[in-house]
Structure formats: structure tokens, C-alpha cells
Amino acid sequence: MAIDRDEVLRIAELARLEIAPDAVERVAAQLSAVLEFAATLDTLDLDGCEPAVLAPDAAEGRPDVPGTRTFEPGVATAGAPEAEDDFFLVPPVVENLEP
């Protein structure tokens, strides 16, 4: 599957990426190569191959108990660029699209 210039620009817009005009063709070629490689994976004969399964005990963590804190208030946000009342302050990710 080949990615053309217009698709690269659309993907960049959706991802909110800036791509230099002289790099668009190169990015299109790179994305096309990635998709072509992924398509070759569909051609593999996987008959008889068991799916890889991770053992549940291999990655044990702390119990998920509601209402418990793993940090004292303010510790997690101590290095944050902006925080208020022990919460991270982040810019909005949804724009108001109303006219």
C-alpha cells in the first residue's frame, strides 16, 4: 500500500505534527515501506504455531484496591511543570468546535 503526499499531510494534521514541505515525500516513502513490511507478515504460514501467552504470575504487581494511595499527596506532582491541589494541570486536548 503506497502512501501519497496528501495522505501524509492528512495524517500529520490528525496527529498535530508539523512536517517540513521538503520532507513530505520522504515521509510518504518511509510510511509506505512500513506498510509493505507489515503486509509481508500476512503472508507467513503460522499453521501449528501456538500464540504467545504471558503467564499471569510473571508480572505480579500491587493489588488494585480502591481508595489506597501509593504516593503521599504532592509527591507525584512535585516535578510536574504545573500542578494544583495535588493534581496535574495539563492543556485541554479537545477544542471547542462550536462556531
N, C-alpha and C. Protein backbone atom coordinates (compact mmCIF):
# COMPACT_ATOMS: atom_id res chain seq x y z
N MET A 1 0.85 -1.18 0.00
CA MET A 1 0.00 0.00 0.00
C MET A 1 0.89 1.24 0.00
N ALA A 2 0.71 2.06 -0.99
CA ALA A 2 1.53 3.26 -1.10
C ALA A 2 0.81 4.45 -0.46
N ILE A 3 1.56 5.22 0.29
CA ILE A 3 1.05 6.44 0.92
C ILE A 3 1.49 7.61 0.04
N ASP A 4 0.53 8.45 -0.32
CA ASP A 4 0.90 9.59 -1.16
C ASP A 4 1.03 10.87 -0.31
N ARG A 5 1.40 11.93 -0.96
CA ARG A 5 1.65 13.22 -0.31
C ARG A 5 0.42 13.70 0.47
N ASP A 6 -0.76 13.60 -0.13
CA ASP A 6 -1.99 14.07 0.52
C ASP A 6 -2.28 13.28 1.80
N GLU A 7 -2.02 11.97 1.76
CA GLU A 7 -2.27 11.15 2.95
C GLU A 7 -1.29 11.51 4.07
N VAL A 8 -0.05 11.78 3.72
CA VAL A 8 0.93 12.20 4.72
C VAL A 8 0.49 13.49 5.38
N LEU A 9 0.04 14.44 4.59
CA LEU A 9 -0.41 15.73 5.14
C LEU A 9 -1.63 15.55 6.02
N ARG A 10 -2.53 14.66 5.64
CA ARG A 10 -3.73 14.41 6.44
C ARG A 10 -3.37 13.73 7.76
N ILE A 11 -2.48 12.75 7.69
CA ILE A 11 -2.03 12.08 8.91
C ILE A 11 -1.33 13.07 9.83
N ALA A 12 -0.50 13.91 9.27
CA ALA A 12 0.21 14.93 10.06
C ALA A 12 -0.79 15.88 10.73
N GLU A 13 -1.83 16.24 10.01
CA GLU A 13 -2.84 17.12 10.58
C GLU A 13 -3.56 16.44 11.73
N LEU A 14 -3.94 15.19 11.56
CA LEU A 14 -4.65 14.46 12.61
C LEU A 14 -3.76 14.26 13.84
N ALA A 15 -2.48 14.04 13.61
CA ALA A 15 -1.54 13.83 14.72
C ALA A 15 -0.97 15.14 15.25
N ARG A 16 -1.39 16.23 14.65
CA ARG A 16 -0.90 17.56 15.03
C ARG A 16 0.63 17.62 14.96
N LEU A 17 1.16 17.12 13.83
CA LEU A 17 2.60 17.15 13.58
C LEU A 17 2.90 18.15 12.50
N GLU A 18 4.03 18.79 12.62
CA GLU A 18 4.49 19.68 11.56
C GLU A 18 5.55 18.92 10.76
N ILE A 19 5.32 18.81 9.47
CA ILE A 19 6.29 18.17 8.60
C ILE A 19 6.74 19.21 7.59
N ALA A 20 8.04 19.38 7.50
CA ALA A 20 8.58 20.36 6.56
C ALA A 20 8.17 19.97 5.14
N PRO A 21 7.82 20.96 4.33
CA PRO A 21 7.38 20.66 2.96
C PRO A 21 8.36 19.80 2.17
N ASP A 22 9.65 19.99 2.40
CA ASP A 22 10.62 19.20 1.66
C ASP A 22 10.79 17.78 2.21
N ALA A 23 10.15 17.47 3.33
CA ALA A 23 10.24 16.14 3.93
C ALA A 23 9.02 15.27 3.66
N VAL A 24 7.98 15.84 3.08
CA VAL A 24 6.72 15.10 2.90
C VAL A 24 6.92 13.87 2.02
N GLU A 25 7.63 14.02 0.93
CA GLU A 25 7.84 12.88 0.03
C GLU A 25 8.65 11.78 0.71
N ARG A 26 9.65 12.16 1.49
CA ARG A 26 10.47 11.18 2.21
C ARG A 26 9.63 10.43 3.24
N VAL A 27 8.78 11.15 3.96
CA VAL A 27 7.91 10.52 4.96
C VAL A 27 6.92 9.58 4.27
N ALA A 28 6.40 9.99 3.13
CA ALA A 28 5.48 9.13 2.37
C ALA A 28 6.17 7.82 2.00
N ALA A 29 7.40 7.90 1.54
CA ALA A 29 8.15 6.69 1.16
C ALA A 29 8.41 5.81 2.39
N GLN A 30 8.75 6.42 3.52
CA GLN A 30 9.02 5.66 4.73
C GLN A 30 7.76 4.97 5.24
N LEU A 31 6.64 5.68 5.26
CA LEU A 31 5.38 5.08 5.70
C LEU A 31 4.96 3.95 4.76
N SER A 32 5.16 4.14 3.47
CA SER A 32 4.83 3.10 2.51
C SER A 32 5.67 1.85 2.76
N ALA A 33 6.95 2.03 3.08
CA ALA A 33 7.83 0.90 3.35
C ALA A 33 7.38 0.15 4.60
N VAL A 34 6.95 0.87 5.61
CA VAL A 34 6.46 0.24 6.84
C VAL A 34 5.22 -0.60 6.54
N LEU A 35 4.29 -0.02 5.77
CA LEU A 35 3.07 -0.76 5.44
C LEU A 35 3.36 -1.98 4.57
N GLU A 36 4.32 -1.86 3.66
CA GLU A 36 4.69 -3.01 2.82
C GLU A 36 5.29 -4.12 3.68
N PHE A 37 6.12 -3.75 4.65
CA PHE A 37 6.69 -4.76 5.55
C PHE A 37 5.59 -5.44 6.35
N ALA A 38 4.65 -4.64 6.88
CA ALA A 38 3.55 -5.21 7.66
C ALA A 38 2.73 -6.16 6.79
N ALA A 39 2.56 -5.84 5.52
CA ALA A 39 1.80 -6.71 4.62
C ALA A 39 2.51 -8.04 4.42
N THR A 40 3.83 -8.06 4.48
CA THR A 40 4.54 -9.33 4.32
C THR A 40 4.27 -10.27 5.49
N LEU A 41 3.94 -9.71 6.64
CA LEU A 41 3.62 -10.55 7.80
C LEU A 41 2.35 -11.36 7.56
N ASP A 42 1.45 -10.83 6.75
CA ASP A 42 0.22 -11.56 6.42
C ASP A 42 0.50 -12.80 5.58
N THR A 43 1.65 -12.85 4.93
CA THR A 43 1.96 -13.98 4.06
C THR A 43 2.63 -15.13 4.81
N LEU A 44 2.97 -14.96 6.07
CA LEU A 44 3.64 -16.00 6.83
C LEU A 44 2.71 -17.17 7.10
N ASP A 45 3.25 -18.38 7.00
CA ASP A 45 2.50 -19.59 7.31
C ASP A 45 2.64 -19.85 8.81
N LEU A 46 1.61 -19.60 9.55
CA LEU A 46 1.65 -19.75 11.00
C LEU A 46 0.87 -20.97 11.48
N ASP A 47 0.54 -21.87 10.57
CA ASP A 47 -0.15 -23.10 10.98
C ASP A 47 0.75 -23.88 11.94
N GLY A 48 0.18 -24.28 13.05
CA GLY A 48 0.93 -25.05 14.04
C GLY A 48 1.67 -24.20 15.04
N CYS A 49 1.67 -22.91 14.87
CA CYS A 49 2.34 -22.02 15.84
C CYS A 49 1.35 -21.65 16.93
N GLU A 50 1.76 -21.91 18.15
CA GLU A 50 0.91 -21.54 19.27
C GLU A 50 1.07 -20.06 19.57
N PRO A 51 -0.01 -19.38 19.91
CA PRO A 51 0.12 -17.97 20.27
C PRO A 51 0.94 -17.82 21.55
N ALA A 52 1.69 -16.75 21.63
CA ALA A 52 2.47 -16.47 22.83
C ALA A 52 1.53 -15.96 23.91
N VAL A 53 1.64 -16.54 25.08
CA VAL A 53 0.79 -16.14 26.19
C VAL A 53 1.69 -15.85 27.38
N LEU A 54 1.50 -14.71 27.98
CA LEU A 54 2.26 -14.39 29.18
C LEU A 54 1.60 -15.03 30.39
N ALA A 55 2.41 -15.62 31.23
CA ALA A 55 1.88 -16.22 32.45
C ALA A 55 1.40 -15.12 33.37
N PRO A 56 0.21 -15.24 33.93
CA PRO A 56 -0.31 -14.18 34.80
C PRO A 56 0.57 -13.90 36.01
N ASP A 57 1.25 -14.92 36.53
CA ASP A 57 2.07 -14.73 37.72
C ASP A 57 3.40 -14.05 37.40
N ALA A 58 3.74 -13.97 36.12
CA ALA A 58 5.04 -13.41 35.74
C ALA A 58 5.12 -11.91 35.99
N ALA A 59 4.00 -11.23 36.01
CA ALA A 59 4.02 -9.78 36.16
C ALA A 59 3.11 -9.35 37.31
N GLU A 60 3.36 -9.93 38.48
CA GLU A 60 2.53 -9.56 39.62
C GLU A 60 2.86 -8.16 40.09
N GLY A 61 1.86 -7.43 40.43
CA GLY A 61 2.05 -6.08 40.94
C GLY A 61 1.30 -5.93 42.25
N ARG A 62 1.12 -4.73 42.64
CA ARG A 62 0.39 -4.49 43.88
C ARG A 62 -1.09 -4.78 43.65
N PRO A 63 -1.83 -5.11 44.68
CA PRO A 63 -3.27 -5.32 44.49
C PRO A 63 -3.96 -4.00 44.16
N ASP A 64 -4.96 -4.07 43.33
CA ASP A 64 -5.70 -2.88 42.94
C ASP A 64 -6.83 -2.68 43.94
N VAL A 65 -6.59 -1.82 44.90
CA VAL A 65 -7.55 -1.58 45.97
C VAL A 65 -8.01 -0.14 45.88
N PRO A 66 -9.31 0.08 45.66
CA PRO A 66 -9.80 1.46 45.56
C PRO A 66 -9.54 2.24 46.85
N GLY A 67 -9.21 3.50 46.68
CA GLY A 67 -9.05 4.38 47.83
C GLY A 67 -7.68 4.32 48.49
N THR A 68 -6.79 3.49 47.96
CA THR A 68 -5.46 3.45 48.56
C THR A 68 -4.53 4.37 47.77
N ARG A 69 -3.59 4.98 48.46
CA ARG A 69 -2.64 5.87 47.81
C ARG A 69 -1.28 5.18 47.75
N THR A 70 -0.60 5.36 46.63
CA THR A 70 0.76 4.84 46.53
C THR A 70 1.77 5.95 46.77
N PHE A 71 1.33 7.19 46.72
CA PHE A 71 2.19 8.35 46.98
C PHE A 71 1.52 9.21 48.03
N GLU A 72 2.34 9.88 48.78
CA GLU A 72 1.79 10.90 49.67
C GLU A 72 1.33 12.07 48.80
N PRO A 73 0.32 12.83 49.25
CA PRO A 73 -0.13 13.97 48.45
C PRO A 73 1.02 14.90 48.10
N GLY A 74 1.09 15.27 46.82
CA GLY A 74 2.10 16.20 46.36
C GLY A 74 3.38 15.56 45.86
N VAL A 75 3.63 14.30 46.19
CA VAL A 75 4.88 13.65 45.77
C VAL A 75 4.89 13.41 44.26
N ALA A 76 3.79 12.89 43.74
CA ALA A 76 3.73 12.58 42.30
C ALA A 76 3.80 13.85 41.47
N THR A 77 3.22 14.93 41.96
CA THR A 77 3.18 16.17 41.19
C THR A 77 4.35 17.10 41.49
N ALA A 78 5.25 16.68 42.37
CA ALA A 78 6.35 17.55 42.78
C ALA A 78 7.21 18.00 41.61
N GLY A 79 7.42 17.15 40.64
CA GLY A 79 8.27 17.51 39.50
C GLY A 79 7.50 17.96 38.28
N ALA A 80 6.18 18.10 38.41
CA ALA A 80 5.35 18.49 37.27
C ALA A 80 5.54 19.96 36.94
N PRO A 81 5.48 20.31 35.64
CA PRO A 81 5.58 21.72 35.28
C PRO A 81 4.50 22.57 35.91
N GLU A 82 3.29 22.01 36.00
CA GLU A 82 2.18 22.74 36.64
C GLU A 82 1.32 21.75 37.41
N ALA A 83 0.94 22.11 38.62
CA ALA A 83 0.08 21.28 39.45
C ALA A 83 -0.73 22.19 40.36
N GLU A 84 -1.87 21.68 40.77
CA GLU A 84 -2.73 22.43 41.69
C GLU A 84 -3.52 21.44 42.53
N ASP A 85 -3.50 21.60 43.83
CA ASP A 85 -4.22 20.72 44.76
C ASP A 85 -3.91 19.25 44.51
N ASP A 86 -2.64 18.92 44.32
CA ASP A 86 -2.18 17.55 44.09
C ASP A 86 -2.69 16.93 42.80
N PHE A 87 -3.07 17.76 41.83
CA PHE A 87 -3.49 17.29 40.51
C PHE A 87 -2.57 17.91 39.46
N PHE A 88 -2.31 17.15 38.40
CA PHE A 88 -1.53 17.69 37.29
C PHE A 88 -2.40 18.66 36.50
N LEU A 89 -1.84 19.79 36.11
CA LEU A 89 -2.52 20.72 35.23
C LEU A 89 -1.98 20.50 33.82
N VAL A 90 -2.87 20.20 32.90
CA VAL A 90 -2.47 19.95 31.51
C VAL A 90 -3.32 20.80 30.59
N PRO A 91 -2.81 21.12 29.40
CA PRO A 91 -3.61 21.90 28.46
C PRO A 91 -4.79 21.06 27.96
N PRO A 92 -5.87 21.71 27.58
CA PRO A 92 -7.02 20.97 27.07
C PRO A 92 -6.65 20.26 25.77
N VAL A 93 -7.24 19.06 25.57
CA VAL A 93 -6.96 18.29 24.37
C VAL A 93 -8.12 18.33 23.38
N VAL A 94 -9.24 18.86 23.81
CA VAL A 94 -10.41 18.96 22.94
C VAL A 94 -10.70 20.44 22.73
N GLU A 95 -10.74 20.83 21.49
CA GLU A 95 -11.01 22.22 21.19
C GLU A 95 -12.52 22.44 21.08
N ASN A 96 -12.95 23.63 21.41
CA ASN A 96 -14.35 23.99 21.25
C ASN A 96 -14.59 24.21 19.77
N LEU A 97 -15.37 23.34 19.16
CA LEU A 97 -15.60 23.41 17.72
C LEU A 97 -16.88 24.15 17.35
N GLU A 98 -17.55 24.69 18.34
CA GLU A 98 -18.78 25.44 18.06
C GLU A 98 -18.44 26.76 17.39
N PRO A 99 -19.28 27.21 16.45
CA PRO A 99 -18.99 28.48 15.77
C PRO A 99 -19.15 29.68 16.69
